[in-house]
């Protein structure tokens, strides 16, 4: 399974913050926003990544993430000169995907709680897997409708009259059919290659699986100034109450076996003295205590 992190766009809803750095490089409490989706995919077992962003911002992502070795993964980088919809990512990354299945996560989506994604990755055998999350404002999202048995029967993009309260969050898992589906996709009325149209095609083929995310699972979309603040406050609360870090890719890589204990110790020792380093050093010390 390969992984795409889509971190493009103008970030206009976060202006003037995005005059300084792209949306996905903004801090969410104590880490760059992109650390959170990266951690989610590492927890799911993904080791090969393609990050897509603007020509202006790609050098900053390269500086932040490098070749991925300190997370036990690899990174490829692709330019998105002009944002033309989420599904455009599959066209930009087609040679990266090759003949493999692929998951795409949006760089401004933060997830926390449970193991739904990890199970979805491990159970994936083909077709497409997306998720349904209960929201109070479904008209802002792609909305999935279920029949009485819980089977998905329709998906609509930002409907004026939603047929359910289940929105589709920004993590999608596809088999290799996605490459050709993305090639054949036609722009919508707003001129974008819609991810909803991709999901509708898999639904038409009868190969779409929709997993409802349980109560207590948190999905934070940090695309506006207020939601960015809310996400930071949420992460701060979790970290201070539980003494763990949310969205720590180095720790996730260690837990997943991508980094050995000695490698994690080396990675943390190369950091300046800070709370983040101290946390990783405690992870190392705890692991050595057994």
C-alpha atoms as a PDB file:
ATOM      1  CA  UNK A   1       0.000   0.000   0.000  1.00  0.00           C
ATOM      2  CA  UNK A   2       1.383   3.374  -1.043  1.00  0.00           C
ATOM      3  CA  UNK A   3       0.341   6.667   0.492  1.00  0.00           C
ATOM      4  CA  UNK A   4      -0.372  10.124  -0.924  1.00  0.00           C
ATOM      5  CA  UNK A   5      -0.533  13.221   1.264  1.00  0.00           C
ATOM      6  CA  UNK A   6      -2.285  16.014  -0.603  1.00  0.00           C
ATOM      7  CA  UNK A   7      -0.935  19.275   0.808  1.00  0.00           C
ATOM      8  CA  UNK A   8      -1.662  21.724  -1.992  1.00  0.00           C
ATOM      9  CA  UNK A   9      -4.133  24.550  -2.440  1.00  0.00           C
ATOM     10  CA  UNK A  10      -3.898  28.238  -1.725  1.00  0.00           C
ATOM     11  CA  UNK A  11      -5.085  28.048   1.886  1.00  0.00           C
ATOM     12  CA  UNK A  12      -7.127  31.198   1.297  1.00  0.00           C
ATOM     13  CA  UNK A  13      -9.380  30.521   4.306  1.00  0.00           C
ATOM     14  CA  UNK A  14      -6.325  30.868   6.558  1.00  0.00           C
ATOM     15  CA  UNK A  15      -5.129  34.171   5.064  1.00  0.00           C
ATOM     16  CA  UNK A  16      -2.903  35.965   6.139  1.00  0.00           C
ATOM     17  CA  UNK A  17      -1.236  32.990   7.903  1.00  0.00           C
ATOM     18  CA  UNK A  18      -0.633  31.345   4.556  1.00  0.00           C
ATOM     19  CA  UNK A  19       1.441  34.299   3.379  1.00  0.00           C
ATOM     20  CA  UNK A  20       4.135  32.873   5.656  1.00  0.00           C
ATOM     21  CA  UNK A  21       3.724  29.132   5.128  1.00  0.00           C
ATOM     22  CA  UNK A  22       1.213  26.787   3.520  1.00  0.00           C
ATOM     23  CA  UNK A  23      -1.797  25.573   5.460  1.00  0.00           C
ATOM     24  CA  UNK A  24      -0.312  22.126   6.072  1.00  0.00           C
ATOM     25  CA  UNK A  25       2.837  23.643   7.600  1.00  0.00           C
ATOM     26  CA  UNK A  26       0.890  25.668  10.168  1.00  0.00           C
ATOM     27  CA  UNK A  27       1.304  24.559  13.792  1.00  0.00           C
ATOM     28  CA  UNK A  28      -1.385  22.423  15.377  1.00  0.00           C
ATOM     29  CA  UNK A  29      -0.403  22.849  19.022  1.00  0.00           C
ATOM     30  CA  UNK A  30       3.212  21.637  19.019  1.00  0.00           C
ATOM     31  CA  UNK A  31       3.730  20.143  15.545  1.00  0.00           C
ATOM     32  CA  UNK A  32       3.320  21.068  11.887  1.00  0.00           C
ATOM     33  CA  UNK A  33      -0.126  20.092  10.645  1.00  0.00           C
ATOM     34  CA  UNK A  34       1.267  17.602   8.115  1.00  0.00           C
ATOM     35  CA  UNK A  35       2.695  15.467  10.955  1.00  0.00           C
ATOM     36  CA  UNK A  36      -0.827  14.332  11.850  1.00  0.00           C
ATOM     37  CA  UNK A  37      -1.875  12.764   8.519  1.00  0.00           C
ATOM     38  CA  UNK A  38       1.652  11.366   8.144  1.00  0.00           C
ATOM     39  CA  UNK A  39       1.303   9.659  11.532  1.00  0.00           C
ATOM     40  CA  UNK A  40      -2.115   8.266  10.611  1.00  0.00           C
ATOM     41  CA  UNK A  41      -0.745   6.533   7.513  1.00  0.00           C
ATOM     42  CA  UNK A  42       2.381   5.262   9.288  1.00  0.00           C
ATOM     43  CA  UNK A  43       0.106   3.732  11.937  1.00  0.00           C
ATOM     44  CA  UNK A  44      -1.725   2.041   9.060  1.00  0.00           C
ATOM     45  CA  UNK A  45       1.504   0.464   7.816  1.00  0.00           C
ATOM     46  CA  UNK A  46       2.313   2.768   4.890  1.00  0.00           C
ATOM     47  CA  UNK A  47       6.045   3.162   4.170  1.00  0.00           C
ATOM     48  CA  UNK A  48       6.146   4.735   0.688  1.00  0.00           C
ATOM     49  CA  UNK A  49       4.836   8.282   0.488  1.00  0.00           C
ATOM     50  CA  UNK A  50       4.191  10.865  -2.185  1.00  0.00           C
ATOM     51  CA  UNK A  51       3.582  14.406  -0.972  1.00  0.00           C
ATOM     52  CA  UNK A  52       1.851  16.737  -3.413  1.00  0.00           C
ATOM     53  CA  UNK A  53       2.009  20.500  -2.950  1.00  0.00           C
ATOM     54  CA  UNK A  54       2.526  23.762  -4.800  1.00  0.00           C
ATOM     55  CA  UNK A  55       5.857  24.576  -6.492  1.00  0.00           C
ATOM     56  CA  UNK A  56       6.283  27.366  -3.933  1.00  0.00           C
ATOM     57  CA  UNK A  57       5.779  25.158  -0.869  1.00  0.00           C
ATOM     58  CA  UNK A  58       7.453  21.911  -1.939  1.00  0.00           C
ATOM     59  CA  UNK A  59      10.942  23.060  -0.875  1.00  0.00           C
ATOM     60  CA  UNK A  60       9.614  23.693   2.644  1.00  0.00           C
ATOM     61  CA  UNK A  61       8.114  20.215   2.839  1.00  0.00           C
ATOM     62  CA  UNK A  62      11.409  18.746   1.623  1.00  0.00           C
ATOM     63  CA  UNK A  63      13.204  20.672   4.360  1.00  0.00           C
ATOM     64  CA  UNK A  64      10.746  19.415   6.982  1.00  0.00           C
ATOM     65  CA  UNK A  65      10.422  15.770   5.961  1.00  0.00           C
ATOM     66  CA  UNK A  66      13.565  15.074   3.931  1.00  0.00           C
ATOM     67  CA  UNK A  67      13.789  11.637   2.358  1.00  0.00           C
ATOM     68  CA  UNK A  68      11.702  10.153   5.172  1.00  0.00           C
ATOM     69  CA  UNK A  69      14.516   8.064   6.642  1.00  0.00           C
ATOM     70  CA  UNK A  70      14.145   9.474  10.143  1.00  0.00           C
ATOM     71  CA  UNK A  71      10.602   8.087  10.118  1.00  0.00           C
ATOM     72  CA  UNK A  72      11.645   4.794   8.546  1.00  0.00           C
ATOM     73  CA  UNK A  73       9.800   5.632   5.310  1.00  0.00           C
ATOM     74  CA  UNK A  74      10.529   7.082   1.866  1.00  0.00           C
ATOM     75  CA  UNK A  75       9.222  10.287   0.312  1.00  0.00           C
ATOM     76  CA  UNK A  76       8.564  11.276  -3.267  1.00  0.00           C
ATOM     77  CA  UNK A  77       7.469  14.844  -4.024  1.00  0.00           C
ATOM     78  CA  UNK A  78       5.187  16.055  -6.825  1.00  0.00           C
ATOM     79  CA  UNK A  79       4.113  19.540  -7.875  1.00  0.00           C
ATOM     80  CA  UNK A  80       0.517  20.630  -8.161  1.00  0.00           C
ATOM     81  CA  UNK A  81       0.861  23.790 -10.217  1.00  0.00           C
ATOM     82  CA  UNK A  82      -2.875  24.462 -10.104  1.00  0.00           C
ATOM     83  CA  UNK A  83      -5.387  22.853  -7.738  1.00  0.00           C
ATOM     84  CA  UNK A  84      -8.007  21.050  -9.812  1.00  0.00           C
ATOM     85  CA  UNK A  85      -9.685  18.787  -7.286  1.00  0.00           C
ATOM     86  CA  UNK A  86      -8.662  16.046  -4.892  1.00  0.00           C
ATOM     87  CA  UNK A  87      -8.780  13.339  -7.560  1.00  0.00           C
ATOM     88  CA  UNK A  88      -6.135  15.220  -9.549  1.00  0.00           C
ATOM     89  CA  UNK A  89      -3.637  13.753  -7.080  1.00  0.00           C
ATOM     90  CA  UNK A  90      -3.931  10.335  -8.709  1.00  0.00           C
ATOM     91  CA  UNK A  91      -3.007  11.770 -12.088  1.00  0.00           C
ATOM     92  CA  UNK A  92      -0.038  13.634 -10.648  1.00  0.00           C
ATOM     93  CA  UNK A  93       1.166  10.542  -8.787  1.00  0.00           C
ATOM     94  CA  UNK A  94       0.355   7.844 -11.341  1.00  0.00           C
ATOM     95  CA  UNK A  95       3.970   6.759 -11.822  1.00  0.00           C
ATOM     96  CA  UNK A  96       4.458   6.717  -8.046  1.00  0.00           C
ATOM     97  CA  UNK A  97       1.394   4.492  -7.610  1.00  0.00           C
ATOM     98  CA  UNK A  98       2.541   2.085 -10.307  1.00  0.00           C
ATOM     99  CA  UNK A  99       0.635  -1.189  -9.975  1.00  0.00           C
ATOM    100  CA  UNK A 100      -0.026  -0.909  -6.219  1.00  0.00           C
ATOM    101  CA  UNK A 101      -3.092  -0.028  -4.160  1.00  0.00           C
ATOM    102  CA  UNK A 102      -2.964   3.458  -2.688  1.00  0.00           C
ATOM    103  CA  UNK A 103      -4.400   5.525   0.120  1.00  0.00           C
ATOM    104  CA  UNK A 104      -4.851   9.283  -0.051  1.00  0.00           C
ATOM    105  CA  UNK A 105      -5.136  11.530   2.983  1.00  0.00           C
ATOM    106  CA  UNK A 106      -5.766  15.265   2.988  1.00  0.00           C
ATOM    107  CA  UNK A 107      -3.003  17.256   4.645  1.00  0.00           C
ATOM    108  CA  UNK A 108      -5.407  19.320   6.755  1.00  0.00           C
ATOM    109  CA  UNK A 109      -7.382  16.399   8.199  1.00  0.00           C
ATOM    110  CA  UNK A 110      -6.530  15.280  11.734  1.00  0.00           C
ATOM    111  CA  UNK A 111      -7.830  11.997  13.131  1.00  0.00           C
ATOM    112  CA  UNK A 112      -7.632  10.609  16.642  1.00  0.00           C
ATOM    113  CA  UNK A 113      -9.055   7.629  18.503  1.00  0.00           C
ATOM    114  CA  UNK A 114      -9.680   3.963  17.888  1.00  0.00           C
ATOM    115  CA  UNK A 115      -8.192   1.587  15.351  1.00  0.00           C
ATOM    116  CA  UNK A 116     -10.707   1.886  12.509  1.00  0.00           C
ATOM    117  CA  UNK A 117      -8.126   2.997   9.964  1.00  0.00           C
ATOM    118  CA  UNK A 118      -5.561   0.375  10.963  1.00  0.00           C
ATOM    119  CA  UNK A 119      -8.209  -2.360  10.605  1.00  0.00           C
ATOM    120  CA  UNK A 120      -9.339  -0.964   7.255  1.00  0.00           C
ATOM    121  CA  UNK A 121      -5.775  -1.088   5.926  1.00  0.00           C
ATOM    122  CA  UNK A 122      -5.165  -4.621   7.169  1.00  0.00           C
ATOM    123  CA  UNK A 123      -8.512  -5.906   5.853  1.00  0.00           C
ATOM    124  CA  UNK A 124      -8.293  -4.201   2.459  1.00  0.00           C
ATOM    125  CA  UNK A 125      -8.368  -6.674  -0.437  1.00  0.00           C
ATOM    126  CA  UNK A 126      -9.630  -4.567  -3.351  1.00  0.00           C
ATOM    127  CA  UNK A 127     -12.148  -2.044  -4.578  1.00  0.00           C
ATOM    128  CA  UNK A 128     -12.398   1.074  -2.436  1.00  0.00           C
ATOM    129  CA  UNK A 129     -12.792   1.784   1.264  1.00  0.00           C
ATOM    130  CA  UNK A 130     -14.005   5.139   2.523  1.00  0.00           C
ATOM    131  CA  UNK A 131     -15.455   6.234   5.846  1.00  0.00           C
ATOM    132  CA  UNK A 132     -18.601   7.807   7.216  1.00  0.00           C
ATOM    133  CA  UNK A 133     -18.489  10.261  10.107  1.00  0.00           C
ATOM    134  CA  UNK A 134     -21.607  11.711  11.759  1.00  0.00           C
ATOM    135  CA  UNK A 135     -21.627  15.525  11.558  1.00  0.00           C
ATOM    136  CA  UNK A 136     -24.135  18.265  12.291  1.00  0.00           C
ATOM    137  CA  UNK A 137     -23.486  20.121   9.003  1.00  0.00           C
ATOM    138  CA  UNK A 138     -23.306  17.438   6.284  1.00  0.00           C
ATOM    139  CA  UNK A 139     -24.082  19.939   3.520  1.00  0.00           C
ATOM    140  CA  UNK A 140     -20.429  21.060   3.717  1.00  0.00           C
ATOM    141  CA  UNK A 141     -19.090  17.646   2.701  1.00  0.00           C
ATOM    142  CA  UNK A 142     -19.485  14.633   0.523  1.00  0.00           C
ATOM    143  CA  UNK A 143     -22.447  12.787   2.052  1.00  0.00           C
ATOM    144  CA  UNK A 144     -23.054   9.037   2.002  1.00  0.00           C
ATOM    145  CA  UNK A 145     -26.557   7.560   2.254  1.00  0.00           C
ATOM    146  CA  UNK A 146     -27.178   4.098   3.699  1.00  0.00           C
ATOM    147  CA  UNK A 147     -30.078   1.686   3.311  1.00  0.00           C
ATOM    148  CA  UNK A 148     -31.779  -0.091   6.207  1.00  0.00           C
ATOM    149  CA  UNK A 149     -29.065  -2.757   6.280  1.00  0.00           C
ATOM    150  CA  UNK A 150     -26.251  -0.203   6.520  1.00  0.00           C
ATOM    151  CA  UNK A 151     -25.159  -0.571   2.900  1.00  0.00           C
ATOM    152  CA  UNK A 152     -24.094   2.597   1.074  1.00  0.00           C
ATOM    153  CA  UNK A 153     -26.523   3.439  -1.735  1.00  0.00           C
ATOM    154  CA  UNK A 154     -25.574   6.991  -2.766  1.00  0.00           C
ATOM    155  CA  UNK A 155     -22.890   9.648  -2.376  1.00  0.00           C
ATOM    156  CA  UNK A 156     -23.396  13.338  -3.101  1.00  0.00           C
ATOM    157  CA  UNK A 157     -20.960  16.251  -3.011  1.00  0.00           C
ATOM    158  CA  UNK A 158     -22.102  19.145  -0.792  1.00  0.00           C
ATOM    159  CA  UNK A 159     -25.855  18.487  -1.280  1.00  0.00           C
ATOM    160  CA  UNK A 160     -28.332  21.236  -0.418  1.00  0.00           C
ATOM    161  CA  UNK A 161     -30.607  18.599   1.104  1.00  0.00           C
ATOM    162  CA  UNK A 162     -28.367  15.873   2.560  1.00  0.00           C
ATOM    163  CA  UNK A 163     -29.841  12.359   2.607  1.00  0.00           C
ATOM    164  CA  UNK A 164     -27.944  11.514   5.788  1.00  0.00           C
ATOM    165  CA  UNK A 165     -25.709  13.083   8.422  1.00  0.00           C
ATOM    166  CA  UNK A 166     -22.686  10.979   7.478  1.00  0.00           C
ATOM    167  CA  UNK A 167     -19.876  12.942   5.844  1.00  0.00           C
ATOM    168  CA  UNK A 168     -16.918  11.356   4.076  1.00  0.00           C
ATOM    169  CA  UNK A 169     -13.664  12.450   5.801  1.00  0.00           C
ATOM    170  CA  UNK A 170     -10.416  12.975   3.925  1.00  0.00           C
ATOM    171  CA  UNK A 171      -8.916   9.492   3.919  1.00  0.00           C
ATOM    172  CA  UNK A 172      -9.561   7.101   1.032  1.00  0.00           C
ATOM    173  CA  UNK A 173      -8.211   3.632   0.184  1.00  0.00           C
ATOM    174  CA  UNK A 174      -8.279   2.373  -3.413  1.00  0.00           C
ATOM    175  CA  UNK A 175      -7.091  -0.570  -5.436  1.00  0.00           C
ATOM    176  CA  UNK A 176      -5.061   0.055  -8.570  1.00  0.00           C
ATOM    177  CA  UNK A 177      -8.203   0.693 -10.618  1.00  0.00           C
ATOM    178  CA  UNK A 178      -7.967   4.254  -9.310  1.00  0.00           C
ATOM    179  CA  UNK A 179      -5.266   5.078 -11.848  1.00  0.00           C
ATOM    180  CA  UNK A 180      -7.564   4.486 -14.832  1.00  0.00           C
ATOM    181  CA  UNK A 181     -10.633   5.885 -13.075  1.00  0.00           C
ATOM    182  CA  UNK A 182      -8.749   9.134 -12.428  1.00  0.00           C
ATOM    183  CA  UNK A 183      -7.576   9.286 -16.035  1.00  0.00           C
ATOM    184  CA  UNK A 184     -11.148   8.910 -17.307  1.00  0.00           C
ATOM    185  CA  UNK A 185     -12.647  11.384 -14.858  1.00  0.00           C
ATOM    186  CA  UNK A 186     -14.321  14.495 -16.269  1.00  0.00           C
ATOM    187  CA  UNK A 187     -14.243  17.842 -14.423  1.00  0.00           C
ATOM    188  CA  UNK A 188     -17.376  18.745 -12.503  1.00  0.00           C
ATOM    189  CA  UNK A 189     -19.459  21.864 -13.015  1.00  0.00           C
ATOM    190  CA  UNK A 190     -17.033  23.757 -10.793  1.00  0.00           C
ATOM    191  CA  UNK A 191     -14.109  22.610 -12.946  1.00  0.00           C
ATOM    192  CA  UNK A 192     -12.614  20.096 -10.510  1.00  0.00           C
ATOM    193  CA  UNK A 193     -11.840  16.388 -10.565  1.00  0.00           C
ATOM    194  CA  UNK A 194     -14.092  15.393  -7.686  1.00  0.00           C
ATOM    195  CA  UNK A 195     -13.194  12.637  -5.260  1.00  0.00           C
ATOM    196  CA  UNK A 196     -16.926  12.039  -4.848  1.00  0.00           C
ATOM    197  CA  UNK A 197     -17.132  11.083  -8.539  1.00  0.00           C
ATOM    198  CA  UNK A 198     -14.371   8.530  -7.926  1.00  0.00           C
ATOM    199  CA  UNK A 199     -16.314   7.055  -5.015  1.00  0.00           C
ATOM    200  CA  UNK A 200     -19.539   7.007  -7.037  1.00  0.00           C
ATOM    201  CA  UNK A 201     -17.752   5.022  -9.760  1.00  0.00           C
ATOM    202  CA  UNK A 202     -16.617   2.405  -7.239  1.00  0.00           C
ATOM    203  CA  UNK A 203     -20.182   2.356  -5.865  1.00  0.00           C
ATOM    204  CA  UNK A 204     -21.515   1.782  -9.393  1.00  0.00           C
ATOM    205  CA  UNK A 205     -19.110  -1.132  -9.798  1.00  0.00           C
ATOM    206  CA  UNK A 206     -20.277  -2.632  -6.519  1.00  0.00           C
ATOM    207  CA  UNK A 207     -16.801  -2.516  -4.983  1.00  0.00           C
ATOM    208  CA  UNK A 208     -17.178   0.374  -2.513  1.00  0.00           C
ATOM    209  CA  UNK A 209     -17.009  -0.303   1.202  1.00  0.00           C
ATOM    210  CA  UNK A 210     -18.036   2.441   3.640  1.00  0.00           C
ATOM    211  CA  UNK A 211     -16.975   2.061   7.280  1.00  0.00           C
ATOM    212  CA  UNK A 212     -18.866   4.114   9.837  1.00  0.00           C
ATOM    213  CA  UNK A 213     -16.519   5.679  12.378  1.00  0.00           C
ATOM    214  CA  UNK A 214     -17.579   5.071  15.960  1.00  0.00           C
ATOM    215  CA  UNK A 215     -18.665   7.650  18.507  1.00  0.00           C
ATOM    216  CA  UNK A 216     -15.644   9.030  20.311  1.00  0.00           C
ATOM    217  CA  UNK A 217     -13.529   9.066  17.170  1.00  0.00           C
ATOM    218  CA  UNK A 218     -12.323  12.596  16.415  1.00  0.00           C
ATOM    219  CA  UNK A 219     -12.067  14.096  12.938  1.00  0.00           C
ATOM    220  CA  UNK A 220     -10.728  17.642  12.865  1.00  0.00           C
ATOM    221  CA  UNK A 221     -10.592  19.644   9.648  1.00  0.00           C
ATOM    222  CA  UNK A 222      -8.075  22.414  10.349  1.00  0.00           C
ATOM    223  CA  UNK A 223      -8.791  24.479   7.260  1.00  0.00           C
ATOM    224  CA  UNK A 224      -9.964  27.715   8.888  1.00  0.00           C
ATOM    225  CA  UNK A 225      -8.491  29.918  11.606  1.00  0.00           C
ATOM    226  CA  UNK A 226     -11.132  28.886  14.144  1.00  0.00           C
ATOM    227  CA  UNK A 227     -10.865  25.163  13.337  1.00  0.00           C
ATOM    228  CA  UNK A 228      -7.055  25.419  13.486  1.00  0.00           C
ATOM    229  CA  UNK A 229      -7.345  26.902  16.969  1.00  0.00           C
ATOM    230  CA  UNK A 230      -9.879  24.245  18.007  1.00  0.00           C
ATOM    231  CA  UNK A 231      -7.599  21.471  16.732  1.00  0.00           C
ATOM    232  CA  UNK A 232      -4.660  22.870  18.695  1.00  0.00           C
ATOM    233  CA  UNK A 233      -6.743  23.075  21.863  1.00  0.00           C
ATOM    234  CA  UNK A 234      -7.986  19.517  21.380  1.00  0.00           C
ATOM    235  CA  UNK A 235      -4.475  18.127  20.876  1.00  0.00           C
ATOM    236  CA  UNK A 236      -3.179  20.091  23.861  1.00  0.00           C
ATOM    237  CA  UNK A 237      -5.909  18.677  26.081  1.00  0.00           C
ATOM    238  CA  UNK A 238      -5.256  15.070  25.022  1.00  0.00           C
ATOM    239  CA  UNK A 239      -1.496  15.393  25.414  1.00  0.00           C
ATOM    240  CA  UNK A 240      -1.581  17.084  28.799  1.00  0.00           C
ATOM    241  CA  UNK A 241      -4.186  14.744  30.301  1.00  0.00           C
ATOM    242  CA  UNK A 242      -2.781  11.488  28.931  1.00  0.00           C
ATOM    243  CA  UNK A 243       0.927  12.238  28.745  1.00  0.00           C
ATOM    244  CA  UNK A 244       1.166  11.033  25.148  1.00  0.00           C
ATOM    245  CA  UNK A 245       1.689  12.845  21.890  1.00  0.00           C
ATOM    246  CA  UNK A 246      -0.899  12.989  19.122  1.00  0.00           C
ATOM    247  CA  UNK A 247       0.568  12.974  15.620  1.00  0.00           C
ATOM    248  CA  UNK A 248       4.142  11.936  16.449  1.00  0.00           C
ATOM    249  CA  UNK A 249       5.454  10.146  13.331  1.00  0.00           C
ATOM    250  CA  UNK A 250       8.741   9.070  14.941  1.00  0.00           C
ATOM    251  CA  UNK A 251       6.919   7.250  17.727  1.00  0.00           C
ATOM    252  CA  UNK A 252       4.418   5.759  15.277  1.00  0.00           C
ATOM    253  CA  UNK A 253       7.300   4.487  13.126  1.00  0.00           C
ATOM    254  CA  UNK A 254       8.887   2.863  16.176  1.00  0.00           C
ATOM    255  CA  UNK A 255       5.612   1.247  17.306  1.00  0.00           C
ATOM    256  CA  UNK A 256       5.084  -0.038  13.765  1.00  0.00           C
ATOM    257  CA  UNK A 257       8.592  -1.477  13.543  1.00  0.00           C
ATOM    258  CA  UNK A 258       9.813   0.962  10.888  1.00  0.00           C
ATOM    259  CA  UNK A 259      12.463   2.246  13.322  1.00  0.00           C
ATOM    260  CA  UNK A 260      14.408   0.165  15.806  1.00  0.00           C
ATOM    261  CA  UNK A 261      14.807   1.345  19.378  1.00  0.00           C
ATOM    262  CA  UNK A 262      18.415   2.365  18.682  1.00  0.00           C
ATOM    263  CA  UNK A 263      17.331   4.263  15.571  1.00  0.00           C
ATOM    264  CA  UNK A 264      14.641   6.118  17.517  1.00  0.00           C
ATOM    265  CA  UNK A 265      17.250   7.027  20.127  1.00  0.00           C
ATOM    266  CA  UNK A 266      19.543   8.369  17.397  1.00  0.00           C
ATOM    267  CA  UNK A 267      16.723  10.373  15.811  1.00  0.00           C
ATOM    268  CA  UNK A 268      15.769  11.996  19.122  1.00  0.00           C
ATOM    269  CA  UNK A 269      19.410  12.684  20.054  1.00  0.00           C
ATOM    270  CA  UNK A 270      19.813  14.685  16.823  1.00  0.00           C
ATOM    271  CA  UNK A 271      17.033  17.092  17.866  1.00  0.00           C
ATOM    272  CA  UNK A 272      17.619  20.296  19.835  1.00  0.00           C
ATOM    273  CA  UNK A 273      16.682  20.285  23.502  1.00  0.00           C
ATOM    274  CA  UNK A 274      12.915  20.720  23.546  1.00  0.00           C
ATOM    275  CA  UNK A 275       9.713  19.112  24.828  1.00  0.00           C
ATOM    276  CA  UNK A 276       9.389  17.024  21.668  1.00  0.00           C
ATOM    277  CA  UNK A 277      12.857  15.517  22.137  1.00  0.00           C
ATOM    278  CA  UNK A 278      12.203  14.934  25.845  1.00  0.00           C
ATOM    279  CA  UNK A 279       9.027  13.028  24.973  1.00  0.00           C
ATOM    280  CA  UNK A 280      10.821  10.753  22.510  1.00  0.00           C
ATOM    281  CA  UNK A 281      13.611  10.169  25.009  1.00  0.00           C
ATOM    282  CA  UNK A 282      11.007   9.032  27.508  1.00  0.00           C
ATOM    283  CA  UNK A 283       9.525   6.676  24.886  1.00  0.00           C
ATOM    284  CA  UNK A 284      13.010   5.214  24.423  1.00  0.00           C
ATOM    285  CA  UNK A 285      13.620   4.942  28.177  1.00  0.00           C
ATOM    286  CA  UNK A 286      10.260   3.294  28.767  1.00  0.00           C
ATOM    287  CA  UNK A 287      10.902   0.759  25.978  1.00  0.00           C
ATOM    288  CA  UNK A 288      14.308  -0.083  27.453  1.00  0.00           C
ATOM    289  CA  UNK A 289      12.797  -0.607  30.874  1.00  0.00           C
ATOM    290  CA  UNK A 290      10.703  -3.291  29.205  1.00  0.00           C
END
